């Protein structure tokens, strides 16, 4: 696991890393979901591996979205969390343990 504090830190870490990530998990803070997905794309490009799933945990949303996980691209998802169990299920789905 690699933890980054913001967009700049995440991109710097991905550019320096020789590792391949199994998942890019982003907490949406201060930017739109689309902007964070673009950061995820850049991280994937830096890794040279474009199949890594990107999961953005939405920050602000209405009650109508709460509890939903939405696929917004080929391998990009947005989670409108209701609770921690929802996140755990989504992580297990995207990163199965063999």
N, C-alpha and C. Protein backbone atom coordinates (compact mmCIF):
# COMPACT_ATOMS: atom_id res chain seq x y z
N UNK A 1 0.84 -1.16 0.00
CA UNK A 1 0.00 0.00 0.00
C UNK A 1 0.90 1.23 0.00
N UNK A 2 0.51 2.19 -0.81
CA UNK A 2 1.18 3.48 -0.85
C UNK A 2 0.14 4.54 -0.54
N UNK A 3 0.43 5.40 0.41
CA UNK A 3 -0.50 6.46 0.79
C UNK A 3 0.07 7.79 0.31
N UNK A 4 -0.79 8.57 -0.33
CA UNK A 4 -0.38 9.90 -0.79
C UNK A 4 -1.29 10.92 -0.13
N UNK A 5 -0.75 12.11 0.07
CA UNK A 5 -1.49 13.15 0.77
C UNK A 5 -2.34 14.02 -0.14
N UNK A 6 -1.95 14.12 -1.40
CA UNK A 6 -2.70 14.94 -2.34
C UNK A 6 -2.32 14.51 -3.76
N UNK A 7 -2.88 15.20 -4.74
CA UNK A 7 -2.65 14.85 -6.14
C UNK A 7 -1.17 14.89 -6.51
N UNK A 8 -0.48 15.94 -6.12
CA UNK A 8 0.94 16.10 -6.46
C UNK A 8 1.75 14.96 -5.84
N UNK A 9 1.50 14.67 -4.57
CA UNK A 9 2.22 13.60 -3.89
C UNK A 9 1.95 12.25 -4.56
N UNK A 10 0.70 11.99 -4.92
CA UNK A 10 0.34 10.73 -5.56
C UNK A 10 1.06 10.56 -6.90
N UNK A 11 1.07 11.63 -7.68
CA UNK A 11 1.72 11.54 -8.99
C UNK A 11 3.23 11.38 -8.85
N UNK A 12 3.84 12.07 -7.89
CA UNK A 12 5.29 11.92 -7.67
C UNK A 12 5.62 10.50 -7.23
N UNK A 13 4.82 9.96 -6.33
CA UNK A 13 5.08 8.60 -5.86
C UNK A 13 4.93 7.58 -6.99
N UNK A 14 3.92 7.75 -7.84
CA UNK A 14 3.72 6.79 -8.92
C UNK A 14 4.82 6.89 -9.96
N UNK A 15 5.36 8.07 -10.17
CA UNK A 15 6.44 8.25 -11.14
C UNK A 15 7.75 7.62 -10.64
N UNK A 16 7.94 7.61 -9.33
CA UNK A 16 9.17 7.05 -8.75
C UNK A 16 9.07 5.55 -8.49
N UNK A 17 7.87 5.04 -8.43
CA UNK A 17 7.66 3.65 -8.03
C UNK A 17 7.92 2.68 -9.17
N UNK A 18 8.47 1.55 -8.82
CA UNK A 18 8.66 0.47 -9.78
C UNK A 18 7.58 -0.60 -9.59
N UNK A 19 6.69 -0.38 -8.65
CA UNK A 19 5.68 -1.36 -8.33
C UNK A 19 4.44 -1.19 -9.19
N UNK A 20 3.69 -2.27 -9.30
CA UNK A 20 2.40 -2.25 -9.98
C UNK A 20 1.34 -2.33 -8.89
N UNK A 21 0.43 -1.39 -8.90
CA UNK A 21 -0.62 -1.35 -7.89
C UNK A 21 -1.80 -2.22 -8.32
N UNK A 22 -2.44 -2.86 -7.35
CA UNK A 22 -3.62 -3.68 -7.63
C UNK A 22 -4.89 -2.83 -7.68
N UNK A 23 -4.83 -1.65 -7.06
CA UNK A 23 -6.00 -0.77 -6.99
C UNK A 23 -5.51 0.65 -6.72
N UNK A 24 -6.20 1.60 -7.33
CA UNK A 24 -5.96 3.01 -7.01
C UNK A 24 -7.22 3.50 -6.32
N UNK A 25 -7.12 3.75 -5.03
CA UNK A 25 -8.24 4.17 -4.20
C UNK A 25 -8.07 5.64 -3.87
N UNK A 26 -9.06 6.44 -4.25
CA UNK A 26 -8.95 7.89 -4.10
C UNK A 26 -10.13 8.40 -3.28
N UNK A 27 -9.81 9.22 -2.29
CA UNK A 27 -10.84 9.91 -1.51
C UNK A 27 -11.07 11.27 -2.16
N UNK A 28 -12.25 11.50 -2.66
CA UNK A 28 -12.55 12.74 -3.37
C UNK A 28 -12.60 13.90 -2.39
N UNK A 29 -11.58 14.72 -2.42
CA UNK A 29 -11.52 15.91 -1.57
C UNK A 29 -11.09 17.09 -2.43
N UNK A 30 -11.88 18.14 -2.45
CA UNK A 30 -11.48 19.39 -3.06
C UNK A 30 -11.55 19.47 -4.58
N UNK A 31 -11.79 18.37 -5.26
CA UNK A 31 -11.89 18.38 -6.71
C UNK A 31 -13.08 17.52 -7.12
N UNK A 32 -13.44 17.62 -8.39
CA UNK A 32 -14.54 16.82 -8.89
C UNK A 32 -14.13 15.36 -9.02
N UNK A 33 -15.11 14.51 -9.12
CA UNK A 33 -14.84 13.08 -9.34
C UNK A 33 -14.08 12.91 -10.65
N UNK A 34 -14.48 13.62 -11.70
CA UNK A 34 -13.79 13.51 -12.98
C UNK A 34 -12.32 13.90 -12.87
N UNK A 35 -12.04 14.94 -12.11
CA UNK A 35 -10.64 15.36 -11.94
C UNK A 35 -9.84 14.27 -11.25
N UNK A 36 -10.42 13.64 -10.23
CA UNK A 36 -9.70 12.58 -9.53
C UNK A 36 -9.53 11.34 -10.40
N UNK A 37 -10.50 11.04 -11.24
CA UNK A 37 -10.34 9.91 -12.15
C UNK A 37 -9.18 10.18 -13.11
N UNK A 38 -9.04 11.41 -13.55
CA UNK A 38 -7.91 11.77 -14.42
C UNK A 38 -6.58 11.57 -13.71
N UNK A 39 -6.54 11.87 -12.41
CA UNK A 39 -5.33 11.61 -11.62
C UNK A 39 -5.07 10.10 -11.60
N UNK A 40 -6.11 9.31 -11.40
CA UNK A 40 -5.96 7.86 -11.45
C UNK A 40 -5.43 7.38 -12.78
N UNK A 41 -5.93 7.96 -13.87
CA UNK A 41 -5.43 7.59 -15.21
C UNK A 41 -3.95 7.89 -15.32
N UNK A 42 -3.53 9.05 -14.80
CA UNK A 42 -2.12 9.43 -14.87
C UNK A 42 -1.25 8.45 -14.07
N UNK A 43 -1.74 8.03 -12.92
CA UNK A 43 -1.01 7.05 -12.11
C UNK A 43 -0.88 5.75 -12.89
N UNK A 44 -1.97 5.31 -13.50
CA UNK A 44 -1.92 4.08 -14.30
C UNK A 44 -0.93 4.22 -15.46
N UNK A 45 -0.94 5.37 -16.11
CA UNK A 45 -0.01 5.60 -17.21
C UNK A 45 1.44 5.55 -16.72
N UNK A 46 1.70 6.15 -15.56
CA UNK A 46 3.05 6.12 -14.98
C UNK A 46 3.49 4.69 -14.70
N UNK A 47 2.54 3.84 -14.30
CA UNK A 47 2.86 2.44 -14.01
C UNK A 47 3.03 1.63 -15.29
N UNK A 48 2.46 2.11 -16.39
CA UNK A 48 2.49 1.35 -17.62
C UNK A 48 1.54 0.17 -17.60
N UNK A 49 0.52 0.26 -16.78
CA UNK A 49 -0.43 -0.85 -16.64
C UNK A 49 -1.83 -0.26 -16.56
N UNK A 50 -2.56 -0.32 -17.66
CA UNK A 50 -3.84 0.39 -17.75
C UNK A 50 -5.06 -0.40 -17.30
N UNK A 51 -4.86 -1.56 -16.72
CA UNK A 51 -6.00 -2.36 -16.26
C UNK A 51 -6.29 -2.19 -14.77
N UNK A 52 -5.45 -1.48 -14.05
CA UNK A 52 -5.64 -1.30 -12.61
C UNK A 52 -6.94 -0.55 -12.35
N UNK A 53 -7.83 -1.10 -11.52
CA UNK A 53 -9.07 -0.40 -11.23
C UNK A 53 -8.84 0.89 -10.44
N UNK A 54 -9.66 1.88 -10.73
CA UNK A 54 -9.65 3.14 -9.99
C UNK A 54 -10.99 3.22 -9.26
N UNK A 55 -10.92 3.47 -7.96
CA UNK A 55 -12.13 3.62 -7.16
C UNK A 55 -12.06 4.97 -6.44
N UNK A 56 -13.02 5.84 -6.75
CA UNK A 56 -13.11 7.14 -6.10
C UNK A 56 -14.23 7.06 -5.07
N UNK A 57 -13.90 7.39 -3.83
CA UNK A 57 -14.92 7.47 -2.77
C UNK A 57 -15.44 8.90 -2.77
N UNK A 58 -16.70 9.05 -3.16
CA UNK A 58 -17.30 10.38 -3.28
C UNK A 58 -17.40 11.06 -1.92
N UNK A 59 -17.20 12.37 -1.95
CA UNK A 59 -17.20 13.15 -0.71
C UNK A 59 -18.59 13.69 -0.38
N UNK A 60 -19.24 14.34 -1.33
CA UNK A 60 -20.56 14.94 -1.10
C UNK A 60 -21.54 14.37 -2.11
N UNK A 61 -22.69 13.93 -1.63
CA UNK A 61 -23.70 13.37 -2.51
C UNK A 61 -25.03 13.34 -1.78
N UNK A 62 -26.08 13.24 -2.55
CA UNK A 62 -27.42 13.21 -1.99
C UNK A 62 -27.82 11.84 -1.50
N UNK A 63 -28.89 11.80 -0.76
CA UNK A 63 -29.40 10.55 -0.22
C UNK A 63 -29.77 9.56 -1.32
N UNK A 64 -30.11 10.07 -2.51
CA UNK A 64 -30.48 9.19 -3.62
C UNK A 64 -29.30 8.36 -4.12
N UNK A 65 -28.07 8.81 -3.89
CA UNK A 65 -26.88 8.07 -4.33
C UNK A 65 -26.27 7.22 -3.23
N UNK A 66 -26.58 7.51 -1.99
CA UNK A 66 -25.97 6.80 -0.87
C UNK A 66 -26.15 5.29 -1.00
N UNK A 67 -25.05 4.59 -0.81
CA UNK A 67 -25.07 3.12 -0.86
C UNK A 67 -24.84 2.55 -2.24
N UNK A 68 -24.61 3.39 -3.24
CA UNK A 68 -24.42 2.91 -4.60
C UNK A 68 -22.94 2.88 -4.98
N UNK A 69 -22.59 1.91 -5.80
CA UNK A 69 -21.29 1.84 -6.47
C UNK A 69 -21.59 1.93 -7.95
N UNK A 70 -20.98 2.90 -8.62
CA UNK A 70 -21.30 3.16 -10.02
C UNK A 70 -20.05 2.99 -10.87
N UNK A 71 -20.14 2.19 -11.91
CA UNK A 71 -19.05 2.07 -12.86
C UNK A 71 -19.17 3.22 -13.85
N UNK A 72 -18.10 4.03 -13.94
CA UNK A 72 -18.14 5.23 -14.77
C UNK A 72 -17.22 5.14 -15.99
N UNK A 73 -16.52 4.05 -16.14
CA UNK A 73 -15.61 3.83 -17.25
C UNK A 73 -15.31 2.35 -17.36
N UNK A 74 -14.33 2.00 -18.20
CA UNK A 74 -14.00 0.59 -18.38
C UNK A 74 -13.58 -0.08 -17.07
N UNK A 75 -12.80 0.62 -16.28
CA UNK A 75 -12.31 0.07 -15.02
C UNK A 75 -12.21 1.17 -13.96
N UNK A 76 -13.19 2.07 -14.00
CA UNK A 76 -13.25 3.20 -13.07
C UNK A 76 -14.61 3.18 -12.38
N UNK A 77 -14.57 3.41 -11.08
CA UNK A 77 -15.78 3.30 -10.26
C UNK A 77 -15.85 4.46 -9.28
N UNK A 78 -17.09 4.79 -8.91
CA UNK A 78 -17.34 5.78 -7.86
C UNK A 78 -18.21 5.10 -6.83
N UNK A 79 -17.81 5.23 -5.57
CA UNK A 79 -18.57 4.65 -4.47
C UNK A 79 -19.16 5.77 -3.63
N UNK A 80 -20.46 5.72 -3.47
CA UNK A 80 -21.19 6.67 -2.62
C UNK A 80 -21.48 5.91 -1.32
N UNK A 81 -20.53 5.95 -0.42
CA UNK A 81 -20.54 5.06 0.74
C UNK A 81 -21.68 5.32 1.72
N UNK A 82 -22.27 4.22 2.11
CA UNK A 82 -23.24 4.24 3.20
C UNK A 82 -22.57 3.83 4.50
N UNK A 83 -21.64 2.86 4.37
CA UNK A 83 -20.92 2.37 5.54
C UNK A 83 -19.64 1.65 5.10
N UNK A 84 -18.85 1.25 6.09
CA UNK A 84 -17.59 0.57 5.81
C UNK A 84 -17.76 -0.78 5.15
N UNK A 85 -18.85 -1.46 5.44
CA UNK A 85 -19.09 -2.77 4.83
C UNK A 85 -19.21 -2.66 3.31
N UNK A 86 -19.84 -1.59 2.85
CA UNK A 86 -19.97 -1.39 1.41
C UNK A 86 -18.59 -1.26 0.76
N UNK A 87 -17.70 -0.51 1.40
CA UNK A 87 -16.35 -0.36 0.87
C UNK A 87 -15.62 -1.70 0.87
N UNK A 88 -15.75 -2.46 1.93
CA UNK A 88 -15.10 -3.77 2.02
C UNK A 88 -15.57 -4.69 0.90
N UNK A 89 -16.85 -4.72 0.62
CA UNK A 89 -17.38 -5.57 -0.45
C UNK A 89 -16.84 -5.12 -1.80
N UNK A 90 -16.79 -3.81 -2.02
CA UNK A 90 -16.28 -3.29 -3.30
C UNK A 90 -14.80 -3.63 -3.46
N UNK A 91 -14.02 -3.48 -2.41
CA UNK A 91 -12.59 -3.82 -2.47
C UNK A 91 -12.39 -5.30 -2.76
N UNK A 92 -13.20 -6.15 -2.14
CA UNK A 92 -13.10 -7.59 -2.40
C UNK A 92 -13.45 -7.91 -3.84
N UNK A 93 -14.40 -7.18 -4.40
CA UNK A 93 -14.81 -7.38 -5.79
C UNK A 93 -13.70 -6.96 -6.76
N UNK A 94 -13.06 -5.83 -6.48
CA UNK A 94 -12.05 -5.29 -7.39
C UNK A 94 -10.68 -5.94 -7.20
N UNK A 95 -10.40 -6.45 -6.01
CA UNK A 95 -9.08 -7.04 -5.71
C UNK A 95 -9.26 -8.42 -5.09
N UNK A 96 -9.70 -9.39 -5.87
CA UNK A 96 -9.90 -10.72 -5.27
C UNK A 96 -8.57 -11.30 -4.79
N UNK A 97 -8.63 -11.98 -3.69
CA UNK A 97 -7.45 -12.63 -3.11
C UNK A 97 -7.40 -14.05 -3.63
N UNK A 98 -6.25 -14.42 -4.15
CA UNK A 98 -6.11 -15.77 -4.68
C UNK A 98 -5.40 -16.65 -3.71
